[in-house]
Amino acid sequence: MKRTNSKLISVKVEKSILLTICILLFSLPAVADYDIPRHTIGGGGGRSSGGPYVLTGTIGQPDAAWSSGGQYELLGGFWPGGPLCFVDFYSFARFAELWLETGVGLAADLDNDEDVDFADLKRLVDEWLYSCPPDWQLK
């Protein structure tokens, strides 16, 4: 039985298409780019000072925080200066050590009512993953 020329061409075209599809499927992960799926630009400002320097009315983001993935870290918002402090799992661990304790000067007593309770937990959660407030005791 002889094959016709058109059948041979058809088989070659099918093989070429299959090979092209395989190459495309295996090369898709190699062309993935970094992506920032969401962003905001928030106006605002205020007054920051340190020593003889004063900064007034700059732009920042109210939802800016710290995030990381793999070997990368990103700090959004104002330049915090000084040692970086974030309300994170370290703060939570220090908080948990003093849960339901009472007394004066407890580091986890964030509302200064001489006990560590749900009101203090609320403040910890409200500050979660933001730069530590100036009066933050859980450093």
C-alpha atoms as a PDB file:
ATOM      1  CA  MET A   1       0.000   0.000   0.000  1.00  0.00           C
ATOM      2  CA  LYS A   2       1.385   3.371  -0.992  1.00  0.00           C
ATOM      3  CA  ARG A   3       0.991   6.526   1.001  1.00  0.00           C
ATOM      4  CA  THR A   4      -0.066   9.552  -0.870  1.00  0.00           C
ATOM      5  CA  ASN A   5       1.855  12.804  -0.753  1.00  0.00           C
ATOM      6  CA  SER A   6      -0.982  14.621   1.004  1.00  0.00           C
ATOM      7  CA  LYS A   7      -1.098  12.035   3.815  1.00  0.00           C
ATOM      8  CA  LEU A   8       2.640  12.436   4.429  1.00  0.00           C
ATOM      9  CA  ILE A   9       2.288  16.208   4.536  1.00  0.00           C
ATOM     10  CA  SER A  10      -0.677  15.892   6.917  1.00  0.00           C
ATOM     11  CA  VAL A  11       1.316  13.674   9.324  1.00  0.00           C
ATOM     12  CA  LYS A  12       4.270  16.110   9.256  1.00  0.00           C
ATOM     13  CA  VAL A  13       1.959  19.052  10.006  1.00  0.00           C
ATOM     14  CA  GLU A  14       0.336  17.180  12.900  1.00  0.00           C
ATOM     15  CA  LYS A  15       3.748  16.334  14.379  1.00  0.00           C
ATOM     16  CA  SER A  16       4.892  19.955  14.013  1.00  0.00           C
ATOM     17  CA  ILE A  17       1.770  21.251  15.759  1.00  0.00           C
ATOM     18  CA  LEU A  18       2.149  18.718  18.596  1.00  0.00           C
ATOM     19  CA  LEU A  19       5.822  19.634  19.044  1.00  0.00           C
ATOM     20  CA  THR A  20       4.978  23.363  19.098  1.00  0.00           C
ATOM     21  CA  ILE A  21       2.280  22.823  21.747  1.00  0.00           C
ATOM     22  CA  CYS A  22       4.688  20.802  23.928  1.00  0.00           C
ATOM     23  CA  ILE A  23       7.380  23.481  23.689  1.00  0.00           C
ATOM     24  CA  LEU A  24       4.900  26.204  24.627  1.00  0.00           C
ATOM     25  CA  LEU A  25       3.542  24.267  27.602  1.00  0.00           C
ATOM     26  CA  PHE A  26       6.983  23.604  29.047  1.00  0.00           C
ATOM     27  CA  SER A  27       8.221  27.152  28.472  1.00  0.00           C
ATOM     28  CA  LEU A  28       5.292  28.965  30.172  1.00  0.00           C
ATOM     29  CA  PRO A  29       6.695  28.782  33.741  1.00  0.00           C
ATOM     30  CA  ALA A  30      10.024  30.164  32.515  1.00  0.00           C
ATOM     31  CA  VAL A  31       8.483  33.472  31.416  1.00  0.00           C
ATOM     32  CA  ALA A  32       6.604  34.248  34.667  1.00  0.00           C
ATOM     33  CA  ASP A  33       7.172  37.786  35.935  1.00  0.00           C
ATOM     34  CA  TYR A  34       6.978  39.288  39.396  1.00  0.00           C
ATOM     35  CA  ASP A  35       3.566  40.771  40.027  1.00  0.00           C
ATOM     36  CA  ILE A  36       2.126  43.357  42.404  1.00  0.00           C
ATOM     37  CA  PRO A  37      -1.585  42.574  42.214  1.00  0.00           C
ATOM     38  CA  ARG A  38      -2.787  45.566  44.218  1.00  0.00           C
ATOM     39  CA  HIS A  39      -1.512  48.956  45.296  1.00  0.00           C
ATOM     40  CA  THR A  40      -2.713  52.222  46.762  1.00  0.00           C
ATOM     41  CA  ILE A  41      -1.482  55.763  46.762  1.00  0.00           C
ATOM     42  CA  GLY A  42      -2.714  57.445  49.905  1.00  0.00           C
ATOM     43  CA  GLY A  43      -2.306  61.121  50.596  1.00  0.00           C
ATOM     44  CA  GLY A  44      -1.598  62.262  54.049  1.00  0.00           C
ATOM     45  CA  GLY A  45       1.257  63.381  56.098  1.00  0.00           C
ATOM     46  CA  GLY A  46       1.849  64.906  59.411  1.00  0.00           C
ATOM     47  CA  ARG A  47       4.853  66.075  61.319  1.00  0.00           C
ATOM     48  CA  SER A  48       7.944  64.022  62.093  1.00  0.00           C
ATOM     49  CA  SER A  49      10.970  65.348  63.934  1.00  0.00           C
ATOM     50  CA  GLY A  50      14.283  64.112  65.223  1.00  0.00           C
ATOM     51  CA  GLY A  51      17.061  66.286  66.584  1.00  0.00           C
ATOM     52  CA  PRO A  52      17.168  69.536  64.613  1.00  0.00           C
ATOM     53  CA  TYR A  53      15.235  68.073  61.655  1.00  0.00           C
ATOM     54  CA  VAL A  54      11.491  68.408  60.999  1.00  0.00           C
ATOM     55  CA  LEU A  55       9.538  66.845  58.119  1.00  0.00           C
ATOM     56  CA  THR A  56       6.000  68.074  57.476  1.00  0.00           C
ATOM     57  CA  GLY A  57       3.328  67.066  54.928  1.00  0.00           C
ATOM     58  CA  THR A  58       4.849  64.133  53.110  1.00  0.00           C
ATOM     59  CA  ILE A  59       2.937  61.374  51.304  1.00  0.00           C
ATOM     60  CA  GLY A  60       2.423  57.924  52.775  1.00  0.00           C
ATOM     61  CA  GLN A  61       0.169  54.933  52.705  1.00  0.00           C
ATOM     62  CA  PRO A  62      -2.169  54.200  55.604  1.00  0.00           C
ATOM     63  CA  ASP A  63      -2.129  50.487  54.750  1.00  0.00           C
ATOM     64  CA  ALA A  64       1.635  50.205  54.301  1.00  0.00           C
ATOM     65  CA  ALA A  65       3.251  47.408  56.253  1.00  0.00           C
ATOM     66  CA  TRP A  66       6.056  44.889  56.113  1.00  0.00           C
ATOM     67  CA  SER A  67       5.866  41.738  54.034  1.00  0.00           C
ATOM     68  CA  SER A  68       8.294  39.077  52.909  1.00  0.00           C
ATOM     69  CA  GLY A  69       8.525  36.054  50.673  1.00  0.00           C
ATOM     70  CA  GLY A  70      11.531  33.866  50.094  1.00  0.00           C
ATOM     71  CA  GLN A  71      14.640  36.010  50.193  1.00  0.00           C
ATOM     72  CA  TYR A  72      12.785  39.297  49.571  1.00  0.00           C
ATOM     73  CA  GLU A  73      11.425  41.840  52.063  1.00  0.00           C
ATOM     74  CA  LEU A  74       9.356  44.946  51.406  1.00  0.00           C
ATOM     75  CA  LEU A  75       8.767  47.864  53.768  1.00  0.00           C
ATOM     76  CA  GLY A  76       6.096  50.295  52.602  1.00  0.00           C
ATOM     77  CA  GLY A  77       5.125  53.759  53.757  1.00  0.00           C
ATOM     78  CA  PHE A  78       7.411  56.231  55.510  1.00  0.00           C
ATOM     79  CA  TRP A  79      11.072  55.502  56.111  1.00  0.00           C
ATOM     80  CA  PRO A  80      10.912  54.507  59.753  1.00  0.00           C
ATOM     81  CA  GLY A  81      14.526  55.266  60.621  1.00  0.00           C
ATOM     82  CA  GLY A  82      16.265  53.750  63.625  1.00  0.00           C
ATOM     83  CA  PRO A  83      15.934  50.088  64.451  1.00  0.00           C
ATOM     84  CA  LEU A  84      12.962  48.516  62.694  1.00  0.00           C
ATOM     85  CA  CYS A  85      10.188  47.292  64.923  1.00  0.00           C
ATOM     86  CA  PHE A  86       7.075  45.489  63.667  1.00  0.00           C
ATOM     87  CA  VAL A  87       4.143  44.094  65.568  1.00  0.00           C
ATOM     88  CA  ASP A  88       4.596  40.458  64.615  1.00  0.00           C
ATOM     89  CA  PHE A  89       4.838  36.946  66.072  1.00  0.00           C
ATOM     90  CA  TYR A  90       7.639  38.032  68.392  1.00  0.00           C
ATOM     91  CA  SER A  91       5.301  40.653  69.900  1.00  0.00           C
ATOM     92  CA  PHE A  92       2.527  38.056  70.139  1.00  0.00           C
ATOM     93  CA  ALA A  93       4.832  35.588  71.922  1.00  0.00           C
ATOM     94  CA  ARG A  94       5.814  38.229  74.493  1.00  0.00           C
ATOM     95  CA  PHE A  95       2.128  39.128  74.870  1.00  0.00           C
ATOM     96  CA  ALA A  96       1.091  35.462  75.346  1.00  0.00           C
ATOM     97  CA  GLU A  97       3.651  34.972  78.131  1.00  0.00           C
ATOM     98  CA  LEU A  98       1.813  37.604  80.187  1.00  0.00           C
ATOM     99  CA  TRP A  99      -1.785  36.701  79.243  1.00  0.00           C
ATOM    100  CA  LEU A 100      -4.201  37.314  82.167  1.00  0.00           C
ATOM    101  CA  GLU A 101      -1.405  38.564  84.444  1.00  0.00           C
ATOM    102  CA  THR A 102      -2.103  41.547  86.693  1.00  0.00           C
ATOM    103  CA  GLY A 103       0.217  44.128  88.170  1.00  0.00           C
ATOM    104  CA  VAL A 104       2.021  47.359  87.511  1.00  0.00           C
ATOM    105  CA  GLY A 105       4.502  47.728  84.634  1.00  0.00           C
ATOM    106  CA  LEU A 106       3.603  44.635  82.616  1.00  0.00           C
ATOM    107  CA  ALA A 107       5.052  44.913  79.084  1.00  0.00           C
ATOM    108  CA  ALA A 108       1.869  43.441  77.556  1.00  0.00           C
ATOM    109  CA  ASP A 109      -0.458  45.850  79.409  1.00  0.00           C
ATOM    110  CA  LEU A 110      -0.978  47.998  76.324  1.00  0.00           C
ATOM    111  CA  ASP A 111      -3.871  50.040  77.764  1.00  0.00           C
ATOM    112  CA  ASN A 112      -2.143  50.644  81.130  1.00  0.00           C
ATOM    113  CA  ASP A 113      -5.003  49.313  83.277  1.00  0.00           C
ATOM    114  CA  GLU A 114      -2.731  46.937  85.239  1.00  0.00           C
ATOM    115  CA  ASP A 115      -3.893  43.710  83.600  1.00  0.00           C
ATOM    116  CA  VAL A 116      -3.365  41.851  80.309  1.00  0.00           C
ATOM    117  CA  ASP A 117      -6.782  41.092  78.860  1.00  0.00           C
ATOM    118  CA  PHE A 118      -8.919  41.320  75.705  1.00  0.00           C
ATOM    119  CA  ALA A 119      -8.585  45.119  75.549  1.00  0.00           C
ATOM    120  CA  ASP A 120      -4.812  44.689  75.243  1.00  0.00           C
ATOM    121  CA  LEU A 121      -5.281  41.907  72.695  1.00  0.00           C
ATOM    122  CA  LYS A 122      -7.455  44.252  70.613  1.00  0.00           C
ATOM    123  CA  ARG A 123      -4.653  46.841  70.493  1.00  0.00           C
ATOM    124  CA  LEU A 124      -2.130  44.148  69.520  1.00  0.00           C
ATOM    125  CA  VAL A 125      -4.395  42.989  66.675  1.00  0.00           C
ATOM    126  CA  ASP A 126      -5.046  46.586  65.522  1.00  0.00           C
ATOM    127  CA  GLU A 127      -1.287  47.185  65.228  1.00  0.00           C
ATOM    128  CA  TRP A 128      -0.516  43.765  63.629  1.00  0.00           C
ATOM    129  CA  LEU A 129       2.206  43.957  60.935  1.00  0.00           C
ATOM    130  CA  TYR A 130       2.548  47.728  61.215  1.00  0.00           C
ATOM    131  CA  SER A 131       5.579  49.574  62.502  1.00  0.00           C
ATOM    132  CA  CYS A 132       5.569  49.652  66.280  1.00  0.00           C
ATOM    133  CA  PRO A 133       4.014  52.758  67.829  1.00  0.00           C
ATOM    134  CA  PRO A 134       6.435  55.025  69.742  1.00  0.00           C
ATOM    135  CA  ASP A 135       5.140  53.764  73.108  1.00  0.00           C
ATOM    136  CA  TRP A 136       5.233  50.089  72.112  1.00  0.00           C
ATOM    137  CA  GLN A 137       6.341  47.987  75.086  1.00  0.00           C
ATOM    138  CA  LEU A 138       6.642  44.587  73.383  1.00  0.00           C
ATOM    139  CA  LYS A 139       9.950  45.263  71.574  1.00  0.00           C
END
